[in-house]
Amino acid sequence: MEKTVALSENESININQLNDLLNKYIASVTPIISITRFAGGYSNLTYRLATSNQNFVMRMAPACANIQSAHDMEREYKVLNTLQPFFNKVPLPILYYSHSDITGTPFYIMEEIEGIILRSYNAPKLNISPNQFEHCAKQLVETLAQIHTIDIETTKLIELGKPAGYVNRQVEGWIKRYFIAETDLIESMNQVAEWLKNNHPKEQSPSLLHNDFKYDNIVFNNDLTNVIAVLDWEMATVGDPLMDLGVMLAYWFEQDEEPIFQQYNCSWLPGNLSRSELIDYYALLTKRDLTDINYYYVFGLFKNAVIAQQIYHRYKNGFSKDERFGALLPLIKLLGKKALNASC
């Protein structure tokens, strides 16, 4: 079970009102006896609501959040509802609450999926063999390929976005976000932005996109044989599926890369596929043309740097006192350098 921490003095959640709300949706639910927060993460706030017979998860945006698509809890709730009949590896959504009287912001509640999430801090302690990690890595690729085969027309998932021109819009949008949040001149980021604008890949047939697909958002069963859930669908949309693969590659750090990256994934541990092996396996499963995959990898690195820059910008402008956020600038520069090198 994922570890949680006690609420801080700044986190005010009315447990009695939450109990009343849950009772309206689940007649058999017992009262919530504790609320704790899942530690880690840089985006939305996630809490465990523990009852005597069942646990739930509550998600809501942080205070002062202004990255609307990444913090739209109603949208994520609707994505889970739409996906549920067609993809069984998502948590069951319970309710969405649009008011701010209980927690100070809108939120939604879903079932908690119990299993193992392989993270940078826990995976090295689990004594996972190379053969097990190879299997886990392949399970990840197989799950991503499965997501990309869901029929977006018959499921009405097409309504999540506009696939035509998706890559161009994303590139332009993330470049714009970077310069809005810019705090320091990072020449490599400027150069990568220009390269992305001038080297567009050929368009792929569209699919459902998770948009943040990595080990941290995957739940395995307890013996690590199967993926049982994919979490964090707040940025899901429809568009070029290689954008998903590019994001996954951008998080997929290998053993001989800079040690700082080992804090952000466990893909460097023995047995994991290399990035090139991951690409080859995805190509085998999907039969897609991956000639331009390097473009998507560069974009993934750039996007990760921009996300870190937005968070750092919030910290530098006094909207957060989290010291993790204040330490992100060296990482942004390193990601920019890595993206620039990959573009050459």
C-alpha atoms as a PDB file:
ATOM      1  CA  MET A   1       0.000   0.000   0.000  1.00  0.00           C
ATOM      2  CA  GLU A   2       1.267   3.472  -0.889  1.00  0.00           C
ATOM      3  CA  LYS A   3       2.497   5.475   2.092  1.00  0.00           C
ATOM      4  CA  THR A   4       0.723   8.656   3.144  1.00  0.00           C
ATOM      5  CA  VAL A   5       1.521  11.512   5.511  1.00  0.00           C
ATOM      6  CA  ALA A   6      -0.532  13.468   8.032  1.00  0.00           C
ATOM      7  CA  LEU A   7      -2.243  16.632   6.856  1.00  0.00           C
ATOM      8  CA  SER A   8      -0.438  19.886   7.479  1.00  0.00           C
ATOM      9  CA  GLU A   9      -1.974  22.665   9.557  1.00  0.00           C
ATOM     10  CA  ASN A  10      -2.816  24.473   6.299  1.00  0.00           C
ATOM     11  CA  GLU A  11      -4.928  21.601   4.968  1.00  0.00           C
ATOM     12  CA  SER A  12      -8.515  22.019   6.142  1.00  0.00           C
ATOM     13  CA  ILE A  13     -10.919  19.235   5.161  1.00  0.00           C
ATOM     14  CA  ASN A  14     -14.330  18.820   6.775  1.00  0.00           C
ATOM     15  CA  ILE A  15     -14.551  15.082   7.503  1.00  0.00           C
ATOM     16  CA  ASN A  16     -18.199  15.243   8.616  1.00  0.00           C
ATOM     17  CA  GLN A  17     -19.291  16.837   5.353  1.00  0.00           C
ATOM     18  CA  LEU A  18     -17.272  14.277   3.409  1.00  0.00           C
ATOM     19  CA  ASN A  19     -19.046  11.467   5.258  1.00  0.00           C
ATOM     20  CA  ASP A  20     -22.443  12.970   4.444  1.00  0.00           C
ATOM     21  CA  LEU A  21     -21.450  13.279   0.790  1.00  0.00           C
ATOM     22  CA  LEU A  22     -20.158   9.701   0.488  1.00  0.00           C
ATOM     23  CA  ASN A  23     -23.315   8.354   2.118  1.00  0.00           C
ATOM     24  CA  LYS A  24     -25.374   9.799  -0.729  1.00  0.00           C
ATOM     25  CA  TYR A  25     -23.434   7.719  -3.279  1.00  0.00           C
ATOM     26  CA  ILE A  26     -22.591   4.530  -1.369  1.00  0.00           C
ATOM     27  CA  ALA A  27     -25.262   3.360   1.045  1.00  0.00           C
ATOM     28  CA  SER A  28     -23.061   0.712   2.670  1.00  0.00           C
ATOM     29  CA  VAL A  29     -20.054   2.938   3.304  1.00  0.00           C
ATOM     30  CA  THR A  30     -18.796   3.231   6.871  1.00  0.00           C
ATOM     31  CA  PRO A  31     -17.623   6.594   8.226  1.00  0.00           C
ATOM     32  CA  ILE A  32     -14.259   7.998   7.229  1.00  0.00           C
ATOM     33  CA  ILE A  33     -11.926   7.520  10.185  1.00  0.00           C
ATOM     34  CA  SER A  34      -8.815   9.226   8.811  1.00  0.00           C
ATOM     35  CA  ILE A  35      -7.640  11.479   5.984  1.00  0.00           C
ATOM     36  CA  THR A  36      -3.989  11.427   4.953  1.00  0.00           C
ATOM     37  CA  ARG A  37      -2.142  12.771   1.928  1.00  0.00           C
ATOM     38  CA  PHE A  38      -0.068  10.812  -0.556  1.00  0.00           C
ATOM     39  CA  ALA A  39       3.456  12.186  -0.328  1.00  0.00           C
ATOM     40  CA  GLY A  40       5.498  13.320  -3.308  1.00  0.00           C
ATOM     41  CA  GLY A  41       4.346  14.633  -6.631  1.00  0.00           C
ATOM     42  CA  TYR A  42       4.463  18.137  -8.013  1.00  0.00           C
ATOM     43  CA  SER A  43       0.955  18.523  -9.387  1.00  0.00           C
ATOM     44  CA  ASN A  44      -2.485  17.704  -7.985  1.00  0.00           C
ATOM     45  CA  LEU A  45      -3.114  16.874  -4.340  1.00  0.00           C
ATOM     46  CA  THR A  46      -4.156  13.295  -3.637  1.00  0.00           C
ATOM     47  CA  TYR A  47      -5.594  12.033  -0.350  1.00  0.00           C
ATOM     48  CA  ARG A  48      -6.539   8.679   1.136  1.00  0.00           C
ATOM     49  CA  LEU A  49      -9.948   8.553   2.810  1.00  0.00           C
ATOM     50  CA  ALA A  50      -9.823   5.520   5.103  1.00  0.00           C
ATOM     51  CA  THR A  51     -12.955   3.833   6.412  1.00  0.00           C
ATOM     52  CA  SER A  52     -13.189   0.649   8.456  1.00  0.00           C
ATOM     53  CA  ASN A  53     -13.911  -1.485   5.399  1.00  0.00           C
ATOM     54  CA  GLN A  54     -12.720   0.435   2.309  1.00  0.00           C
ATOM     55  CA  ASN A  55     -10.309   3.142   1.217  1.00  0.00           C
ATOM     56  CA  PHE A  56     -11.040   5.913  -1.260  1.00  0.00           C
ATOM     57  CA  VAL A  57      -8.856   8.437  -3.040  1.00  0.00           C
ATOM     58  CA  MET A  58      -9.713  12.127  -3.284  1.00  0.00           C
ATOM     59  CA  ARG A  59      -7.999  14.380  -5.855  1.00  0.00           C
ATOM     60  CA  MET A  60      -8.009  18.146  -6.113  1.00  0.00           C
ATOM     61  CA  ALA A  61      -5.915  20.966  -7.508  1.00  0.00           C
ATOM     62  CA  PRO A  62      -3.354  22.783  -5.342  1.00  0.00           C
ATOM     63  CA  ALA A  63      -3.901  26.359  -4.231  1.00  0.00           C
ATOM     64  CA  CYS A  64      -2.995  29.037  -6.810  1.00  0.00           C
ATOM     65  CA  ALA A  65      -2.843  26.460  -9.611  1.00  0.00           C
ATOM     66  CA  ASN A  66      -3.035  28.163 -13.002  1.00  0.00           C
ATOM     67  CA  ILE A  67      -2.164  25.325 -15.411  1.00  0.00           C
ATOM     68  CA  GLN A  68      -5.815  24.701 -16.144  1.00  0.00           C
ATOM     69  CA  SER A  69      -5.683  21.500 -18.232  1.00  0.00           C
ATOM     70  CA  ALA A  70      -3.431  19.780 -15.702  1.00  0.00           C
ATOM     71  CA  HIS A  71      -5.670  20.660 -12.736  1.00  0.00           C
ATOM     72  CA  ASP A  72      -9.198  20.207 -14.114  1.00  0.00           C
ATOM     73  CA  MET A  73     -10.647  17.642 -11.733  1.00  0.00           C
ATOM     74  CA  GLU A  74     -14.066  17.592 -13.391  1.00  0.00           C
ATOM     75  CA  ARG A  75     -12.462  16.723 -16.711  1.00  0.00           C
ATOM     76  CA  GLU A  76     -10.407  13.899 -15.181  1.00  0.00           C
ATOM     77  CA  TYR A  77     -13.523  12.530 -13.501  1.00  0.00           C
ATOM     78  CA  LYS A  78     -15.364  12.540 -16.836  1.00  0.00           C
ATOM     79  CA  VAL A  79     -12.430  10.815 -18.570  1.00  0.00           C
ATOM     80  CA  LEU A  80     -12.515   7.998 -16.011  1.00  0.00           C
ATOM     81  CA  ASN A  81     -16.283   7.615 -16.442  1.00  0.00           C
ATOM     82  CA  THR A  82     -15.974   7.456 -20.224  1.00  0.00           C
ATOM     83  CA  LEU A  83     -13.049   5.033 -20.161  1.00  0.00           C
ATOM     84  CA  GLN A  84     -14.468   2.622 -17.602  1.00  0.00           C
ATOM     85  CA  PRO A  85     -16.540   0.481 -20.015  1.00  0.00           C
ATOM     86  CA  PHE A  86     -13.730   0.143 -22.575  1.00  0.00           C
ATOM     87  CA  PHE A  87     -10.524  -0.028 -20.551  1.00  0.00           C
ATOM     88  CA  ASN A  88     -10.595  -1.961 -17.292  1.00  0.00           C
ATOM     89  CA  LYS A  89      -7.310  -0.593 -15.938  1.00  0.00           C
ATOM     90  CA  VAL A  90      -8.697   2.611 -14.422  1.00  0.00           C
ATOM     91  CA  PRO A  91     -10.073   3.264 -10.921  1.00  0.00           C
ATOM     92  CA  LEU A  92     -13.838   3.410 -10.507  1.00  0.00           C
ATOM     93  CA  PRO A  93     -14.903   7.071 -10.147  1.00  0.00           C
ATOM     94  CA  ILE A  94     -17.394   7.651  -7.322  1.00  0.00           C
ATOM     95  CA  LEU A  95     -18.362  11.327  -7.373  1.00  0.00           C
ATOM     96  CA  TYR A  96     -17.349  14.830  -8.413  1.00  0.00           C
ATOM     97  CA  TYR A  97     -18.002  17.797  -6.126  1.00  0.00           C
ATOM     98  CA  SER A  98     -17.905  21.238  -7.725  1.00  0.00           C
ATOM     99  CA  HIS A  99     -18.154  23.426  -4.617  1.00  0.00           C
ATOM    100  CA  SER A 100     -15.404  24.688  -2.320  1.00  0.00           C
ATOM    101  CA  ASP A 101     -17.075  24.443   1.080  1.00  0.00           C
ATOM    102  CA  ILE A 102     -15.610  21.047   2.068  1.00  0.00           C
ATOM    103  CA  THR A 103     -11.981  21.324   0.990  1.00  0.00           C
ATOM    104  CA  GLY A 104     -11.637  24.837  -0.381  1.00  0.00           C
ATOM    105  CA  THR A 105     -11.616  23.651  -3.993  1.00  0.00           C
ATOM    106  CA  PRO A 106     -13.552  21.225  -6.254  1.00  0.00           C
ATOM    107  CA  PHE A 107     -12.522  17.577  -6.028  1.00  0.00           C
ATOM    108  CA  TYR A 108     -13.480  14.081  -7.056  1.00  0.00           C
ATOM    109  CA  ILE A 109     -13.424  10.756  -5.217  1.00  0.00           C
ATOM    110  CA  MET A 110     -12.608   7.341  -6.683  1.00  0.00           C
ATOM    111  CA  GLU A 111     -11.874   3.863  -5.427  1.00  0.00           C
ATOM    112  CA  GLU A 112      -8.334   3.115  -4.275  1.00  0.00           C
ATOM    113  CA  ILE A 113      -6.544   0.424  -6.283  1.00  0.00           C
ATOM    114  CA  GLU A 114      -4.251  -1.589  -4.035  1.00  0.00           C
ATOM    115  CA  GLY A 115      -1.035  -2.738  -5.630  1.00  0.00           C
ATOM    116  CA  ILE A 116       2.551  -1.669  -6.221  1.00  0.00           C
ATOM    117  CA  ILE A 117       3.661   1.547  -7.883  1.00  0.00           C
ATOM    118  CA  LEU A 118       7.325   1.336  -8.860  1.00  0.00           C
ATOM    119  CA  ARG A 119       8.951   4.623  -7.920  1.00  0.00           C
ATOM    120  CA  SER A 120      12.521   5.833  -7.761  1.00  0.00           C
ATOM    121  CA  TYR A 121      12.593   5.644  -3.966  1.00  0.00           C
ATOM    122  CA  ASN A 122      10.917   2.281  -3.394  1.00  0.00           C
ATOM    123  CA  ALA A 123      11.895   0.133  -6.391  1.00  0.00           C
ATOM    124  CA  PRO A 124      15.597  -0.205  -5.432  1.00  0.00           C
ATOM    125  CA  LYS A 125      14.499  -1.671  -2.069  1.00  0.00           C
ATOM    126  CA  LEU A 126      12.155  -4.301  -3.496  1.00  0.00           C
ATOM    127  CA  ASN A 127      14.822  -6.744  -4.709  1.00  0.00           C
ATOM    128  CA  ILE A 128      13.283  -6.918  -8.166  1.00  0.00           C
ATOM    129  CA  SER A 129      15.261  -9.242 -10.404  1.00  0.00           C
ATOM    130  CA  PRO A 130      16.378  -8.166 -13.889  1.00  0.00           C
ATOM    131  CA  ASN A 131      13.941 -10.677 -15.385  1.00  0.00           C
ATOM    132  CA  GLN A 132      11.074  -9.189 -13.360  1.00  0.00           C
ATOM    133  CA  PHE A 133      12.002  -5.661 -14.404  1.00  0.00           C
ATOM    134  CA  GLU A 134      12.162  -6.660 -18.054  1.00  0.00           C
ATOM    135  CA  HIS A 135       8.654  -8.084 -17.694  1.00  0.00           C
ATOM    136  CA  CYS A 136       7.430  -4.900 -15.969  1.00  0.00           C
ATOM    137  CA  ALA A 137       8.908  -2.715 -18.700  1.00  0.00           C
ATOM    138  CA  LYS A 138       7.226  -4.803 -21.379  1.00  0.00           C
ATOM    139  CA  GLN A 139       3.945  -4.629 -19.456  1.00  0.00           C
ATOM    140  CA  LEU A 140       4.221  -0.852 -19.553  1.00  0.00           C
ATOM    141  CA  VAL A 141       4.714  -0.798 -23.315  1.00  0.00           C
ATOM    142  CA  GLU A 142       1.909  -3.304 -23.838  1.00  0.00           C
ATOM    143  CA  THR A 143      -0.453  -1.179 -21.727  1.00  0.00           C
ATOM    144  CA  LEU A 144       0.427   1.971 -23.660  1.00  0.00           C
ATOM    145  CA  ALA A 145      -0.138   0.129 -26.928  1.00  0.00           C
ATOM    146  CA  GLN A 146      -3.511  -1.078 -25.590  1.00  0.00           C
ATOM    147  CA  ILE A 147      -4.529   2.500 -24.760  1.00  0.00           C
ATOM    148  CA  HIS A 148      -3.589   3.539 -28.286  1.00  0.00           C
ATOM    149  CA  THR A 149      -5.841   0.875 -29.831  1.00  0.00           C
ATOM    150  CA  ILE A 150      -9.035   2.057 -28.081  1.00  0.00           C
ATOM    151  CA  ASP A 151     -11.521   3.215 -30.716  1.00  0.00           C
ATOM    152  CA  ILE A 152     -11.876   6.934 -30.043  1.00  0.00           C
ATOM    153  CA  GLU A 153     -14.903   7.280 -32.332  1.00  0.00           C
ATOM    154  CA  THR A 154     -17.251   4.619 -30.968  1.00  0.00           C
ATOM    155  CA  THR A 155     -16.282   5.406 -27.376  1.00  0.00           C
ATOM    156  CA  LYS A 156     -16.857   9.145 -27.980  1.00  0.00           C
ATOM    157  CA  LEU A 157     -13.393   9.818 -26.563  1.00  0.00           C
ATOM    158  CA  ILE A 158     -12.888  11.852 -29.728  1.00  0.00           C
ATOM    159  CA  GLU A 159     -14.768  14.592 -27.834  1.00  0.00           C
ATOM    160  CA  LEU A 160     -11.733  15.076 -25.570  1.00  0.00           C
ATOM    161  CA  GLY A 161      -9.939  17.137 -28.206  1.00  0.00           C
ATOM    162  CA  LYS A 162      -9.180  17.905 -31.839  1.00  0.00           C
ATOM    163  CA  PRO A 163      -6.673  15.418 -33.273  1.00  0.00           C
ATOM    164  CA  ALA A 164      -5.895  17.357 -36.460  1.00  0.00           C
ATOM    165  CA  GLY A 165      -2.840  19.553 -35.955  1.00  0.00           C
ATOM    166  CA  TYR A 166      -2.335  18.237 -32.427  1.00  0.00           C
ATOM    167  CA  VAL A 167       1.465  18.132 -32.560  1.00  0.00           C
ATOM    168  CA  ASN A 168       1.752  21.674 -33.922  1.00  0.00           C
ATOM    169  CA  ARG A 169      -0.582  23.021 -31.246  1.00  0.00           C
ATOM    170  CA  GLN A 170       1.275  21.214 -28.501  1.00  0.00           C
ATOM    171  CA  VAL A 171       4.655  22.452 -29.654  1.00  0.00           C
ATOM    172  CA  GLU A 172       3.434  26.038 -29.969  1.00  0.00           C
ATOM    173  CA  GLY A 173       1.596  25.837 -26.651  1.00  0.00           C
ATOM    174  CA  TRP A 174       4.480  24.453 -24.625  1.00  0.00           C
ATOM    175  CA  ILE A 175       6.926  26.924 -26.133  1.00  0.00           C
ATOM    176  CA  LYS A 176       4.544  29.726 -25.177  1.00  0.00           C
ATOM    177  CA  ARG A 177       4.177  28.339 -21.651  1.00  0.00           C
ATOM    178  CA  TYR A 178       7.924  28.217 -21.270  1.00  0.00           C
ATOM    179  CA  PHE A 179       8.467  31.855 -22.098  1.00  0.00           C
ATOM    180  CA  ILE A 180       5.537  32.927 -19.890  1.00  0.00           C
ATOM    181  CA  ALA A 181       7.176  31.101 -16.959  1.00  0.00           C
ATOM    182  CA  GLU A 182      10.788  31.979 -17.866  1.00  0.00           C
ATOM    183  CA  THR A 183      12.868  33.188 -14.924  1.00  0.00           C
ATOM    184  CA  ASP A 184      16.439  32.690 -16.148  1.00  0.00           C
ATOM    185  CA  LEU A 185      17.988  32.738 -19.609  1.00  0.00           C
ATOM    186  CA  ILE A 186      18.634  29.114 -20.604  1.00  0.00           C
ATOM    187  CA  GLU A 187      20.090  29.148 -24.094  1.00  0.00           C
ATOM    188  CA  SER A 188      19.587  25.429 -24.726  1.00  0.00           C
ATOM    189  CA  MET A 189      15.843  25.792 -24.110  1.00  0.00           C
ATOM    190  CA  ASN A 190      15.671  28.631 -26.635  1.00  0.00           C
ATOM    191  CA  GLN A 191      17.524  26.547 -29.229  1.00  0.00           C
ATOM    192  CA  VAL A 192      15.347  23.489 -28.687  1.00  0.00           C
ATOM    193  CA  ALA A 193      12.219  25.636 -29.028  1.00  0.00           C
ATOM    194  CA  GLU A 194      13.430  26.792 -32.452  1.00  0.00           C
ATOM    195  CA  TRP A 195      14.335  23.253 -33.512  1.00  0.00           C
ATOM    196  CA  LEU A 196      10.893  21.952 -32.551  1.00  0.00           C
ATOM    197  CA  LYS A 197       9.189  24.687 -34.563  1.00  0.00           C
ATOM    198  CA  ASN A 198      11.257  23.916 -37.670  1.00  0.00           C
ATOM    199  CA  ASN A 199      11.286  20.088 -37.738  1.00  0.00           C
ATOM    200  CA  HIS A 200       7.695  18.884 -37.515  1.00  0.00           C
ATOM    201  CA  PRO A 201       7.182  15.111 -38.013  1.00  0.00           C
ATOM    202  CA  LYS A 202       4.657  13.575 -40.366  1.00  0.00           C
ATOM    203  CA  GLU A 203       1.224  13.193 -38.810  1.00  0.00           C
ATOM    204  CA  GLN A 204       0.162   9.859 -37.280  1.00  0.00           C
ATOM    205  CA  SER A 205      -3.354   8.461 -37.141  1.00  0.00           C
ATOM    206  CA  PRO A 206      -4.864   9.713 -33.862  1.00  0.00           C
ATOM    207  CA  SER A 207      -5.576   7.784 -30.682  1.00  0.00           C
ATOM    208  CA  LEU A 208      -6.408   8.321 -27.037  1.00  0.00           C
ATOM    209  CA  LEU A 209      -3.440   9.863 -25.199  1.00  0.00           C
ATOM    210  CA  HIS A 210      -2.736   9.518 -21.502  1.00  0.00           C
ATOM    211  CA  ASN A 211      -0.150  12.337 -21.708  1.00  0.00           C
ATOM    212  CA  ASP A 212       1.845  11.413 -18.577  1.00  0.00           C
ATOM    213  CA  PHE A 213       2.558   7.734 -19.041  1.00  0.00           C
ATOM    214  CA  LYS A 214       5.396   6.465 -16.791  1.00  0.00           C
ATOM    215  CA  TYR A 215       6.098   4.029 -13.962  1.00  0.00           C
ATOM    216  CA  ASP A 216       4.823   6.499 -11.334  1.00  0.00           C
ATOM    217  CA  ASN A 217       1.317   6.385 -12.804  1.00  0.00           C
ATOM    218  CA  ILE A 218       1.078   2.603 -13.155  1.00  0.00           C
ATOM    219  CA  VAL A 219      -0.212   0.155 -10.519  1.00  0.00           C
ATOM    220  CA  PHE A 220       1.062  -3.436 -10.702  1.00  0.00           C
ATOM    221  CA  ASN A 221      -0.403  -6.381  -8.833  1.00  0.00           C
ATOM    222  CA  ASN A 222       1.575  -7.507  -5.790  1.00  0.00           C
ATOM    223  CA  ASP A 223       3.719 -10.051  -7.642  1.00  0.00           C
ATOM    224  CA  LEU A 224       4.492  -7.587 -10.468  1.00  0.00           C
ATOM    225  CA  THR A 225       3.079  -9.842 -13.147  1.00  0.00           C
ATOM    226  CA  ASN A 226       0.372  -7.506 -14.473  1.00  0.00           C
ATOM    227  CA  VAL A 227      -0.591  -3.859 -14.746  1.00  0.00           C
ATOM    228  CA  ILE A 228      -3.893  -3.475 -12.908  1.00  0.00           C
ATOM    229  CA  ALA A 229      -4.435   0.286 -13.185  1.00  0.00           C
ATOM    230  CA  VAL A 230      -3.289   3.436 -14.929  1.00  0.00           C
ATOM    231  CA  LEU A 231      -3.638   6.568 -12.805  1.00  0.00           C
ATOM    232  CA  ASP A 232      -3.620  10.353 -13.305  1.00  0.00           C
ATOM    233  CA  TRP A 233      -5.721  10.961 -16.406  1.00  0.00           C
ATOM    234  CA  GLU A 234      -6.038  14.715 -15.924  1.00  0.00           C
ATOM    235  CA  MET A 235      -4.200  15.521 -19.168  1.00  0.00           C
ATOM    236  CA  ALA A 236      -5.795  12.815 -21.324  1.00  0.00           C
ATOM    237  CA  THR A 237      -6.802  13.861 -24.818  1.00  0.00           C
ATOM    238  CA  VAL A 238      -6.799  12.593 -28.408  1.00  0.00           C
ATOM    239  CA  GLY A 239      -4.018  13.128 -30.915  1.00  0.00           C
ATOM    240  CA  ASP A 240      -0.757  11.702 -32.199  1.00  0.00           C
ATOM    241  CA  PRO A 241       0.039   8.601 -30.077  1.00  0.00           C
ATOM    242  CA  LEU A 242       3.781   9.099 -30.495  1.00  0.00           C
ATOM    243  CA  MET A 243       3.437  12.121 -28.235  1.00  0.00           C
ATOM    244  CA  ASP A 244       2.618   9.630 -25.458  1.00  0.00           C
ATOM    245  CA  LEU A 245       5.619   7.505 -26.368  1.00  0.00           C
ATOM    246  CA  GLY A 246       7.849  10.578 -26.466  1.00  0.00           C
ATOM    247  CA  VAL A 247       6.789  11.566 -22.949  1.00  0.00           C
ATOM    248  CA  MET A 248       7.472   8.031 -21.724  1.00  0.00           C
ATOM    249  CA  LEU A 249      10.925   8.097 -23.349  1.00  0.00           C
ATOM    250  CA  ALA A 250      11.678  11.472 -21.770  1.00  0.00           C
ATOM    251  CA  TYR A 251      11.169   9.930 -18.325  1.00  0.00           C
ATOM    252  CA  TRP A 252      12.994   6.736 -19.257  1.00  0.00           C
ATOM    253  CA  PHE A 253      16.488   7.390 -17.873  1.00  0.00           C
ATOM    254  CA  GLU A 254      19.189   4.740 -18.250  1.00  0.00           C
ATOM    255  CA  GLN A 255      21.870   3.611 -15.812  1.00  0.00           C
ATOM    256  CA  ASP A 256      24.764   5.525 -17.417  1.00  0.00           C
ATOM    257  CA  GLU A 257      22.956   8.896 -17.434  1.00  0.00           C
ATOM    258  CA  GLU A 258      23.330  11.720 -14.922  1.00  0.00           C
ATOM    259  CA  PRO A 259      22.622  10.474 -11.354  1.00  0.00           C
ATOM    260  CA  ILE A 260      20.107  13.270 -10.683  1.00  0.00           C
ATOM    261  CA  PHE A 261      17.675  11.602 -13.093  1.00  0.00           C
ATOM    262  CA  GLN A 262      17.540   8.516 -10.893  1.00  0.00           C
ATOM    263  CA  GLN A 263      15.286  10.555  -8.580  1.00  0.00           C
ATOM    264  CA  TYR A 264      12.577  10.700 -11.256  1.00  0.00           C
ATOM    265  CA  ASN A 265      12.138   7.115 -12.448  1.00  0.00           C
ATOM    266  CA  CYS A 266      13.287   3.571 -11.759  1.00  0.00           C
ATOM    267  CA  SER A 267      13.916   2.720 -15.418  1.00  0.00           C
ATOM    268  CA  TRP A 268      17.681   2.790 -14.779  1.00  0.00           C
ATOM    269  CA  LEU A 269      17.563  -0.347 -12.628  1.00  0.00           C
ATOM    270  CA  PRO A 270      18.938  -3.612 -14.136  1.00  0.00           C
ATOM    271  CA  GLY A 271      16.591  -5.501 -16.419  1.00  0.00           C
ATOM    272  CA  ASN A 272      14.658  -2.522 -17.765  1.00  0.00           C
ATOM    273  CA  LEU A 273      14.546  -2.087 -21.510  1.00  0.00           C
ATOM    274  CA  SER A 274      16.783   0.573 -22.998  1.00  0.00           C
ATOM    275  CA  ARG A 275      15.038   3.453 -24.767  1.00  0.00           C
ATOM    276  CA  SER A 276      15.871   1.897 -28.130  1.00  0.00           C
ATOM    277  CA  GLU A 277      14.480  -1.482 -27.011  1.00  0.00           C
ATOM    278  CA  LEU A 278      11.345   0.230 -25.719  1.00  0.00           C
ATOM    279  CA  ILE A 279      10.890   1.931 -29.116  1.00  0.00           C
ATOM    280  CA  ASP A 280      11.409  -1.350 -30.965  1.00  0.00           C
ATOM    281  CA  TYR A 281       8.898  -3.183 -28.768  1.00  0.00           C
ATOM    282  CA  TYR A 282       6.251  -0.487 -29.231  1.00  0.00           C
ATOM    283  CA  ALA A 283       6.811  -0.603 -33.000  1.00  0.00           C
ATOM    284  CA  LEU A 284       6.420  -4.391 -32.957  1.00  0.00           C
ATOM    285  CA  LEU A 285       3.133  -4.190 -31.041  1.00  0.00           C
ATOM    286  CA  THR A 286       1.545  -1.304 -32.936  1.00  0.00           C
ATOM    287  CA  LYS A 287       3.107  -1.556 -36.431  1.00  0.00           C
ATOM    288  CA  ARG A 288       3.394   2.238 -36.419  1.00  0.00           C
ATOM    289  CA  ASP A 289       6.072   4.107 -38.351  1.00  0.00           C
ATOM    290  CA  LEU A 290       8.577   5.420 -35.782  1.00  0.00           C
ATOM    291  CA  THR A 291      10.941   7.099 -38.244  1.00  0.00           C
ATOM    292  CA  ASP A 292      10.472  10.455 -36.503  1.00  0.00           C
ATOM    293  CA  ILE A 293      10.464   9.177 -32.924  1.00  0.00           C
ATOM    294  CA  ASN A 294      13.469  11.317 -31.979  1.00  0.00           C
ATOM    295  CA  TYR A 295      11.348  14.446 -32.496  1.00  0.00           C
ATOM    296  CA  TYR A 296       8.832  13.193 -29.928  1.00  0.00           C
ATOM    297  CA  TYR A 297      11.628  12.330 -27.487  1.00  0.00           C
ATOM    298  CA  VAL A 298      13.100  15.831 -27.785  1.00  0.00           C
ATOM    299  CA  PHE A 299       9.653  17.329 -27.301  1.00  0.00           C
ATOM    300  CA  GLY A 300       9.112  15.120 -24.225  1.00  0.00           C
ATOM    301  CA  LEU A 301      12.339  16.385 -22.655  1.00  0.00           C
ATOM    302  CA  PHE A 302      11.418  19.976 -23.490  1.00  0.00           C
ATOM    303  CA  LYS A 303       7.917  19.534 -22.067  1.00  0.00           C
ATOM    304  CA  ASN A 304       9.292  18.085 -18.822  1.00  0.00           C
ATOM    305  CA  ALA A 305      11.645  21.053 -18.543  1.00  0.00           C
ATOM    306  CA  VAL A 306       8.729  23.448 -19.079  1.00  0.00           C
ATOM    307  CA  ILE A 307       6.640  21.714 -16.389  1.00  0.00           C
ATOM    308  CA  ALA A 308       9.565  22.050 -13.991  1.00  0.00           C
ATOM    309  CA  GLN A 309       9.979  25.691 -15.045  1.00  0.00           C
ATOM    310  CA  GLN A 310       6.317  26.445 -14.335  1.00  0.00           C
ATOM    311  CA  ILE A 311       6.660  24.908 -10.873  1.00  0.00           C
ATOM    312  CA  TYR A 312       9.919  26.785 -10.252  1.00  0.00           C
ATOM    313  CA  HIS A 313       8.235  29.998 -11.416  1.00  0.00           C
ATOM    314  CA  ARG A 314       5.487  29.476  -8.823  1.00  0.00           C
ATOM    315  CA  TYR A 315       8.122  29.034  -6.111  1.00  0.00           C
ATOM    316  CA  LYS A 316      10.215  32.026  -7.178  1.00  0.00           C
ATOM    317  CA  ASN A 317       7.130  34.246  -7.205  1.00  0.00           C
ATOM    318  CA  GLY A 318       6.126  33.241  -3.690  1.00  0.00           C
ATOM    319  CA  PHE A 319       3.165  30.974  -4.465  1.00  0.00           C
ATOM    320  CA  SER A 320       4.830  27.960  -2.852  1.00  0.00           C
ATOM    321  CA  LYS A 321       7.279  27.466  -0.003  1.00  0.00           C
ATOM    322  CA  ASP A 322       8.092  23.872  -0.968  1.00  0.00           C
ATOM    323  CA  GLU A 323      11.897  23.706  -1.074  1.00  0.00           C
ATOM    324  CA  ARG A 324      11.750  20.906  -3.668  1.00  0.00           C
ATOM    325  CA  PHE A 325      10.317  23.463  -6.081  1.00  0.00           C
ATOM    326  CA  GLY A 326      13.122  25.917  -5.351  1.00  0.00           C
ATOM    327  CA  ALA A 327      15.743  23.319  -6.275  1.00  0.00           C
ATOM    328  CA  LEU A 328      14.427  22.664  -9.793  1.00  0.00           C
ATOM    329  CA  LEU A 329      16.515  25.174 -11.787  1.00  0.00           C
ATOM    330  CA  PRO A 330      19.586  22.893 -12.287  1.00  0.00           C
ATOM    331  CA  LEU A 331      17.253  20.125 -13.474  1.00  0.00           C
ATOM    332  CA  ILE A 332      15.616  22.467 -16.011  1.00  0.00           C
ATOM    333  CA  LYS A 333      19.023  23.394 -17.408  1.00  0.00           C
ATOM    334  CA  LEU A 334      20.061  19.740 -17.592  1.00  0.00           C
ATOM    335  CA  LEU A 335      16.864  18.750 -19.411  1.00  0.00           C
ATOM    336  CA  GLY A 336      17.381  21.601 -21.871  1.00  0.00           C
ATOM    337  CA  LYS A 337      20.920  20.429 -22.551  1.00  0.00           C
ATOM    338  CA  LYS A 338      19.789  16.818 -22.979  1.00  0.00           C
ATOM    339  CA  ALA A 339      17.019  17.884 -25.395  1.00  0.00           C
ATOM    340  CA  LEU A 340      19.472  19.997 -27.403  1.00  0.00           C
ATOM    341  CA  ASN A 341      21.960  17.132 -27.654  1.00  0.00           C
ATOM    342  CA  ALA A 342      19.205  14.736 -28.737  1.00  0.00           C
ATOM    343  CA  SER A 343      18.097  17.139 -31.485  1.00  0.00           C
ATOM    344  CA  CYS A 344      21.523  17.229 -33.126  1.00  0.00           C
END
